Amino acid sequence: MNKTILIAIACCALPLAIIGLILWSGGERIDHSTMPGWSDKGKVQIGTSVGNIAPEFQLQDIDGKPLSKDKFKGKPLIVWFTASYCVPCQIGAKEVTRLDNDMGGETFDVVMVFIDPRETEENLRSWKDNFANKDWSIAFGNEKIIADYKIRFLDTQYLLNKDGVIQNVANSNVGYEGYKNKIQPLIQ
């Protein structure tokens, strides 16, 4: 196996498995089959697959302010699940930062959701300084968003359109051109 792939697996998959064990130990598992499956908005399925309305979320950003999906209506949104030490996520974030700048900085929004409960505010501020644009939202994840979005891997990214409908789900670096090709049709 390629050394880069082994590093990516060690960086992303193993820590997330550990986080999952931490979060699920002693906790109650959420049975997604009992959750309401339809929104009142035209009978569109709510879920984590392309074409569904993305689940709502309530998070806290690094300044302690509440953050919800409703705040981002009207523009495409990338909801990116990560940890400060995920190297593939850092590389991908640099590419999305470049795309964001090339598209004028106001075309789409990004919410970085840090899901390792051991992360500190200092970790997240340092990550933002090194890999993100100033207007990106940096938030602490919680058990609910991890369960609602069915997160199994670091570097999981959901691309939502301006109405919150999932357009793409990725578990690896989409890259500059990949995101450009996916976001441009959403802004026209």
C-alpha atoms as a PDB file:
ATOM      1  CA  MET A   1       0.000   0.000   0.000  1.00  0.00           C
ATOM      2  CA  ASN A   2       1.191   3.516  -0.773  1.00  0.00           C
ATOM      3  CA  LYS A   3       2.821   5.293   2.215  1.00  0.00           C
ATOM      4  CA  THR A   4       0.584   8.368   1.704  1.00  0.00           C
ATOM      5  CA  ILE A   5      -2.541   6.222   1.892  1.00  0.00           C
ATOM      6  CA  LEU A   6      -1.328   4.583   5.106  1.00  0.00           C
ATOM      7  CA  ILE A   7      -0.654   8.000   6.639  1.00  0.00           C
ATOM      8  CA  ALA A   8      -4.114   9.224   5.604  1.00  0.00           C
ATOM      9  CA  ILE A   9      -5.736   6.132   7.144  1.00  0.00           C
ATOM     10  CA  ALA A  10      -3.780   6.559  10.361  1.00  0.00           C
ATOM     11  CA  CYS A  11      -4.532  10.285  10.435  1.00  0.00           C
ATOM     12  CA  CYS A  12      -8.246  10.116   9.725  1.00  0.00           C
ATOM     13  CA  ALA A  13      -9.825   6.698  10.168  1.00  0.00           C
ATOM     14  CA  LEU A  14      -8.164   5.556  13.397  1.00  0.00           C
ATOM     15  CA  PRO A  15      -8.759   8.770  15.386  1.00  0.00           C
ATOM     16  CA  LEU A  16     -12.384   8.880  14.222  1.00  0.00           C
ATOM     17  CA  ALA A  17     -12.899   5.277  15.332  1.00  0.00           C
ATOM     18  CA  ILE A  18     -11.535   6.237  18.738  1.00  0.00           C
ATOM     19  CA  ILE A  19     -13.788   9.300  18.866  1.00  0.00           C
ATOM     20  CA  GLY A  20     -16.751   7.089  17.983  1.00  0.00           C
ATOM     21  CA  LEU A  21     -15.952   4.747  20.834  1.00  0.00           C
ATOM     22  CA  ILE A  22     -15.642   7.680  23.225  1.00  0.00           C
ATOM     23  CA  LEU A  23     -18.970   9.159  22.129  1.00  0.00           C
ATOM     24  CA  TRP A  24     -20.884   5.864  22.033  1.00  0.00           C
ATOM     25  CA  SER A  25     -19.536   4.349  25.229  1.00  0.00           C
ATOM     26  CA  GLY A  26     -22.258   4.592  27.806  1.00  0.00           C
ATOM     27  CA  GLY A  27     -24.301   6.774  25.493  1.00  0.00           C
ATOM     28  CA  GLU A  28     -27.587   5.959  23.863  1.00  0.00           C
ATOM     29  CA  ARG A  29     -27.440   5.148  20.146  1.00  0.00           C
ATOM     30  CA  ILE A  30     -29.787   7.111  17.959  1.00  0.00           C
ATOM     31  CA  ASP A  31     -32.102   5.002  15.810  1.00  0.00           C
ATOM     32  CA  HIS A  32     -32.363   7.044  12.612  1.00  0.00           C
ATOM     33  CA  SER A  33     -35.265   4.919  11.390  1.00  0.00           C
ATOM     34  CA  THR A  34     -37.516   6.492  14.033  1.00  0.00           C
ATOM     35  CA  MET A  35     -36.675  10.068  13.049  1.00  0.00           C
ATOM     36  CA  PRO A  36     -39.169  11.997  10.919  1.00  0.00           C
ATOM     37  CA  GLY A  37     -38.338  11.383   7.280  1.00  0.00           C
ATOM     38  CA  TRP A  38     -40.206  14.194   5.595  1.00  0.00           C
ATOM     39  CA  SER A  39     -40.099  17.941   5.852  1.00  0.00           C
ATOM     40  CA  ASP A  40     -43.104  20.171   5.472  1.00  0.00           C
ATOM     41  CA  LYS A  41     -41.360  21.795   2.500  1.00  0.00           C
ATOM     42  CA  GLY A  42     -42.857  19.963  -0.459  1.00  0.00           C
ATOM     43  CA  LYS A  43     -42.354  16.430   0.851  1.00  0.00           C
ATOM     44  CA  VAL A  44     -38.583  16.487   0.352  1.00  0.00           C
ATOM     45  CA  GLN A  45     -36.758  13.740   2.204  1.00  0.00           C
ATOM     46  CA  ILE A  46     -34.572  14.846   5.111  1.00  0.00           C
ATOM     47  CA  GLY A  47     -31.363  12.847   5.335  1.00  0.00           C
ATOM     48  CA  THR A  48     -27.717  12.588   4.416  1.00  0.00           C
ATOM     49  CA  SER A  49     -27.973  11.505   0.773  1.00  0.00           C
ATOM     50  CA  VAL A  50     -27.703  13.681  -2.324  1.00  0.00           C
ATOM     51  CA  GLY A  51     -31.081  15.267  -3.086  1.00  0.00           C
ATOM     52  CA  ASN A  52     -32.230  15.310   0.546  1.00  0.00           C
ATOM     53  CA  ILE A  53     -32.561  18.346   2.776  1.00  0.00           C
ATOM     54  CA  ALA A  54     -29.556  18.286   5.118  1.00  0.00           C
ATOM     55  CA  PRO A  55     -30.331  17.805   8.801  1.00  0.00           C
ATOM     56  CA  GLU A  56     -30.531  20.932  10.937  1.00  0.00           C
ATOM     57  CA  PHE A  57     -27.690  21.583  13.353  1.00  0.00           C
ATOM     58  CA  GLN A  58     -27.050  23.665  16.443  1.00  0.00           C
ATOM     59  CA  LEU A  59     -23.370  24.259  17.163  1.00  0.00           C
ATOM     60  CA  GLN A  60     -21.167  26.660  19.073  1.00  0.00           C
ATOM     61  CA  ASP A  61     -18.452  28.548  17.216  1.00  0.00           C
ATOM     62  CA  ILE A  62     -15.024  29.300  18.673  1.00  0.00           C
ATOM     63  CA  ASP A  63     -16.291  32.626  20.018  1.00  0.00           C
ATOM     64  CA  GLY A  64     -19.066  30.880  21.955  1.00  0.00           C
ATOM     65  CA  LYS A  65     -21.820  32.075  19.602  1.00  0.00           C
ATOM     66  CA  PRO A  66     -24.601  29.736  18.452  1.00  0.00           C
ATOM     67  CA  LEU A  67     -24.397  28.500  14.882  1.00  0.00           C
ATOM     68  CA  SER A  68     -27.216  26.829  12.931  1.00  0.00           C
ATOM     69  CA  LYS A  69     -27.836  25.714   9.362  1.00  0.00           C
ATOM     70  CA  ASP A  70     -30.495  28.444   8.939  1.00  0.00           C
ATOM     71  CA  LYS A  71     -27.787  31.118   9.190  1.00  0.00           C
ATOM     72  CA  PHE A  72     -26.405  30.010   5.824  1.00  0.00           C
ATOM     73  CA  LYS A  73     -29.503  29.986   3.607  1.00  0.00           C
ATOM     74  CA  GLY A  74     -29.180  31.799   0.314  1.00  0.00           C
ATOM     75  CA  LYS A  75     -25.674  30.604  -0.640  1.00  0.00           C
ATOM     76  CA  PRO A  76     -24.053  27.228  -1.229  1.00  0.00           C
ATOM     77  CA  LEU A  77     -22.555  25.805   1.956  1.00  0.00           C
ATOM     78  CA  ILE A  78     -19.808  23.289   2.621  1.00  0.00           C
ATOM     79  CA  VAL A  79     -20.250  21.513   5.972  1.00  0.00           C
ATOM     80  CA  TRP A  80     -16.867  19.871   6.588  1.00  0.00           C
ATOM     81  CA  PHE A  81     -16.207  17.411   9.434  1.00  0.00           C
ATOM     82  CA  THR A  82     -12.590  17.405  10.556  1.00  0.00           C
ATOM     83  CA  ALA A  83     -10.005  17.528  13.339  1.00  0.00           C
ATOM     84  CA  SER A  84      -7.114  19.953  13.625  1.00  0.00           C
ATOM     85  CA  TYR A  85      -4.558  17.173  13.070  1.00  0.00           C
ATOM     86  CA  CYS A  86      -6.149  15.735   9.882  1.00  0.00           C
ATOM     87  CA  VAL A  87      -3.500  16.409   7.223  1.00  0.00           C
ATOM     88  CA  PRO A  88      -5.701  15.546   4.199  1.00  0.00           C
ATOM     89  CA  CYS A  89      -8.312  17.970   5.592  1.00  0.00           C
ATOM     90  CA  GLN A  90      -5.672  20.692   5.882  1.00  0.00           C
ATOM     91  CA  ILE A  91      -4.595  20.162   2.272  1.00  0.00           C
ATOM     92  CA  GLY A  92      -8.208  20.235   1.084  1.00  0.00           C
ATOM     93  CA  ALA A  93      -8.973  23.341   3.128  1.00  0.00           C
ATOM     94  CA  LYS A  94      -6.066  25.190   1.499  1.00  0.00           C
ATOM     95  CA  GLU A  95      -7.513  24.342  -1.930  1.00  0.00           C
ATOM     96  CA  VAL A  96     -11.015  25.468  -0.937  1.00  0.00           C
ATOM     97  CA  THR A  97      -9.520  28.668   0.531  1.00  0.00           C
ATOM     98  CA  ARG A  98      -7.882  29.387  -2.822  1.00  0.00           C
ATOM     99  CA  LEU A  99     -11.170  28.688  -4.643  1.00  0.00           C
ATOM    100  CA  ASP A 100     -13.078  30.901  -2.200  1.00  0.00           C
ATOM    101  CA  ASN A 101     -10.627  33.745  -2.847  1.00  0.00           C
ATOM    102  CA  ASP A 102     -10.707  33.226  -6.629  1.00  0.00           C
ATOM    103  CA  MET A 103     -14.527  33.358  -6.583  1.00  0.00           C
ATOM    104  CA  GLY A 104     -14.557  36.626  -4.631  1.00  0.00           C
ATOM    105  CA  GLY A 105     -14.881  35.329  -1.070  1.00  0.00           C
ATOM    106  CA  GLU A 106     -18.663  35.794  -0.910  1.00  0.00           C
ATOM    107  CA  THR A 107     -19.924  33.103  -3.297  1.00  0.00           C
ATOM    108  CA  PHE A 108     -20.258  30.241  -0.811  1.00  0.00           C
ATOM    109  CA  ASP A 109     -19.934  29.605   2.920  1.00  0.00           C
ATOM    110  CA  VAL A 110     -17.883  27.038   4.813  1.00  0.00           C
ATOM    111  CA  VAL A 111     -18.563  25.558   8.249  1.00  0.00           C
ATOM    112  CA  MET A 112     -15.694  23.515   9.640  1.00  0.00           C
ATOM    113  CA  VAL A 113     -17.026  21.136  12.315  1.00  0.00           C
ATOM    114  CA  PHE A 114     -14.302  19.797  14.609  1.00  0.00           C
ATOM    115  CA  ILE A 115     -15.531  16.486  15.976  1.00  0.00           C
ATOM    116  CA  ASP A 116     -12.740  15.366  18.321  1.00  0.00           C
ATOM    117  CA  PRO A 117     -14.011  16.219  21.823  1.00  0.00           C
ATOM    118  CA  ARG A 118     -10.403  16.753  22.944  1.00  0.00           C
ATOM    119  CA  GLU A 119      -9.981  19.799  20.659  1.00  0.00           C
ATOM    120  CA  THR A 120      -9.500  23.118  22.427  1.00  0.00           C
ATOM    121  CA  GLU A 121     -10.410  26.626  21.369  1.00  0.00           C
ATOM    122  CA  GLU A 122      -6.689  27.251  20.868  1.00  0.00           C
ATOM    123  CA  ASN A 123      -6.430  24.246  18.488  1.00  0.00           C
ATOM    124  CA  LEU A 124      -9.311  25.569  16.393  1.00  0.00           C
ATOM    125  CA  ARG A 125      -8.051  29.171  16.303  1.00  0.00           C
ATOM    126  CA  SER A 126      -4.619  27.993  15.220  1.00  0.00           C
ATOM    127  CA  TRP A 127      -6.169  25.793  12.518  1.00  0.00           C
ATOM    128  CA  LYS A 128      -8.263  28.700  11.229  1.00  0.00           C
ATOM    129  CA  ASP A 129      -5.204  30.983  11.107  1.00  0.00           C
ATOM    130  CA  ASN A 130      -3.273  28.422   9.074  1.00  0.00           C
ATOM    131  CA  PHE A 131      -5.855  26.859   6.741  1.00  0.00           C
ATOM    132  CA  ALA A 132      -9.105  28.851   6.494  1.00  0.00           C
ATOM    133  CA  ASN A 133     -10.444  32.180   5.345  1.00  0.00           C
ATOM    134  CA  LYS A 134     -11.415  34.696   8.010  1.00  0.00           C
ATOM    135  CA  ASP A 135     -15.137  34.467   7.187  1.00  0.00           C
ATOM    136  CA  TRP A 136     -15.342  30.678   7.570  1.00  0.00           C
ATOM    137  CA  SER A 137     -17.286  29.428  10.581  1.00  0.00           C
ATOM    138  CA  ILE A 138     -15.241  27.237  12.897  1.00  0.00           C
ATOM    139  CA  ALA A 139     -17.342  25.185  15.297  1.00  0.00           C
ATOM    140  CA  PHE A 140     -17.112  22.514  17.945  1.00  0.00           C
ATOM    141  CA  GLY A 141     -19.016  19.392  16.904  1.00  0.00           C
ATOM    142  CA  ASN A 142     -21.348  17.487  19.177  1.00  0.00           C
ATOM    143  CA  GLU A 143     -22.849  14.000  19.396  1.00  0.00           C
ATOM    144  CA  LYS A 144     -26.067  15.088  17.692  1.00  0.00           C
ATOM    145  CA  ILE A 145     -24.508  16.459  14.494  1.00  0.00           C
ATOM    146  CA  ILE A 146     -22.166  13.466  14.264  1.00  0.00           C
ATOM    147  CA  ALA A 147     -25.155  11.116  14.501  1.00  0.00           C
ATOM    148  CA  ASP A 148     -27.484  13.184  12.282  1.00  0.00           C
ATOM    149  CA  TYR A 149     -24.908  13.448   9.494  1.00  0.00           C
ATOM    150  CA  LYS A 150     -23.815   9.811  10.021  1.00  0.00           C
ATOM    151  CA  ILE A 151     -20.141  10.747  10.221  1.00  0.00           C
ATOM    152  CA  ARG A 152     -17.801   7.758   9.980  1.00  0.00           C
ATOM    153  CA  PHE A 153     -14.632   9.450   8.674  1.00  0.00           C
ATOM    154  CA  LEU A 154     -12.719  12.672   9.118  1.00  0.00           C
ATOM    155  CA  ASP A 155     -12.635  14.774   5.942  1.00  0.00           C
ATOM    156  CA  THR A 156     -16.339  14.168   5.281  1.00  0.00           C
ATOM    157  CA  GLN A 157     -17.796  17.097   3.369  1.00  0.00           C
ATOM    158  CA  TYR A 158     -21.398  17.927   2.520  1.00  0.00           C
ATOM    159  CA  LEU A 159     -22.068  20.488  -0.209  1.00  0.00           C
ATOM    160  CA  LEU A 160     -25.509  22.077   0.176  1.00  0.00           C
ATOM    161  CA  ASN A 161     -27.268  24.370  -2.272  1.00  0.00           C
ATOM    162  CA  LYS A 162     -28.766  27.724  -1.204  1.00  0.00           C
ATOM    163  CA  ASP A 163     -31.886  25.925   0.068  1.00  0.00           C
ATOM    164  CA  GLY A 164     -30.008  23.374   2.193  1.00  0.00           C
ATOM    165  CA  VAL A 165     -30.415  20.431  -0.200  1.00  0.00           C
ATOM    166  CA  ILE A 166     -27.392  18.115  -0.358  1.00  0.00           C
ATOM    167  CA  GLN A 167     -25.652  18.298  -3.735  1.00  0.00           C
ATOM    168  CA  ASN A 168     -22.544  16.231  -2.999  1.00  0.00           C
ATOM    169  CA  VAL A 169     -21.064  14.106  -0.221  1.00  0.00           C
ATOM    170  CA  ALA A 170     -17.328  13.341  -0.183  1.00  0.00           C
ATOM    171  CA  ASN A 171     -15.012  11.489   2.195  1.00  0.00           C
ATOM    172  CA  SER A 172     -11.763  12.686   0.664  1.00  0.00           C
ATOM    173  CA  ASN A 173     -10.152  15.733  -0.890  1.00  0.00           C
ATOM    174  CA  VAL A 174     -12.474  17.069  -3.619  1.00  0.00           C
ATOM    175  CA  GLY A 175      -9.836  19.594  -4.696  1.00  0.00           C
ATOM    176  CA  TYR A 176      -9.938  23.015  -6.294  1.00  0.00           C
ATOM    177  CA  GLU A 177     -11.332  21.956  -9.679  1.00  0.00           C
ATOM    178  CA  GLY A 178     -13.750  19.459  -8.137  1.00  0.00           C
ATOM    179  CA  TYR A 179     -15.365  22.067  -5.899  1.00  0.00           C
ATOM    180  CA  LYS A 180     -15.283  24.698  -8.635  1.00  0.00           C
ATOM    181  CA  ASN A 181     -17.221  22.345 -10.938  1.00  0.00           C
ATOM    182  CA  LYS A 182     -19.725  21.546  -8.191  1.00  0.00           C
ATOM    183  CA  ILE A 183     -20.254  25.088  -6.847  1.00  0.00           C
ATOM    184  CA  GLN A 184     -20.470  27.064 -10.108  1.00  0.00           C
ATOM    185  CA  PRO A 185     -23.821  25.526 -11.192  1.00  0.00           C
ATOM    186  CA  LEU A 186     -25.232  26.360  -7.740  1.00  0.00           C
ATOM    187  CA  ILE A 187     -24.555  30.098  -8.071  1.00  0.00           C
ATOM    188  CA  GLN A 188     -25.922  30.678 -11.551  1.00  0.00           C
END
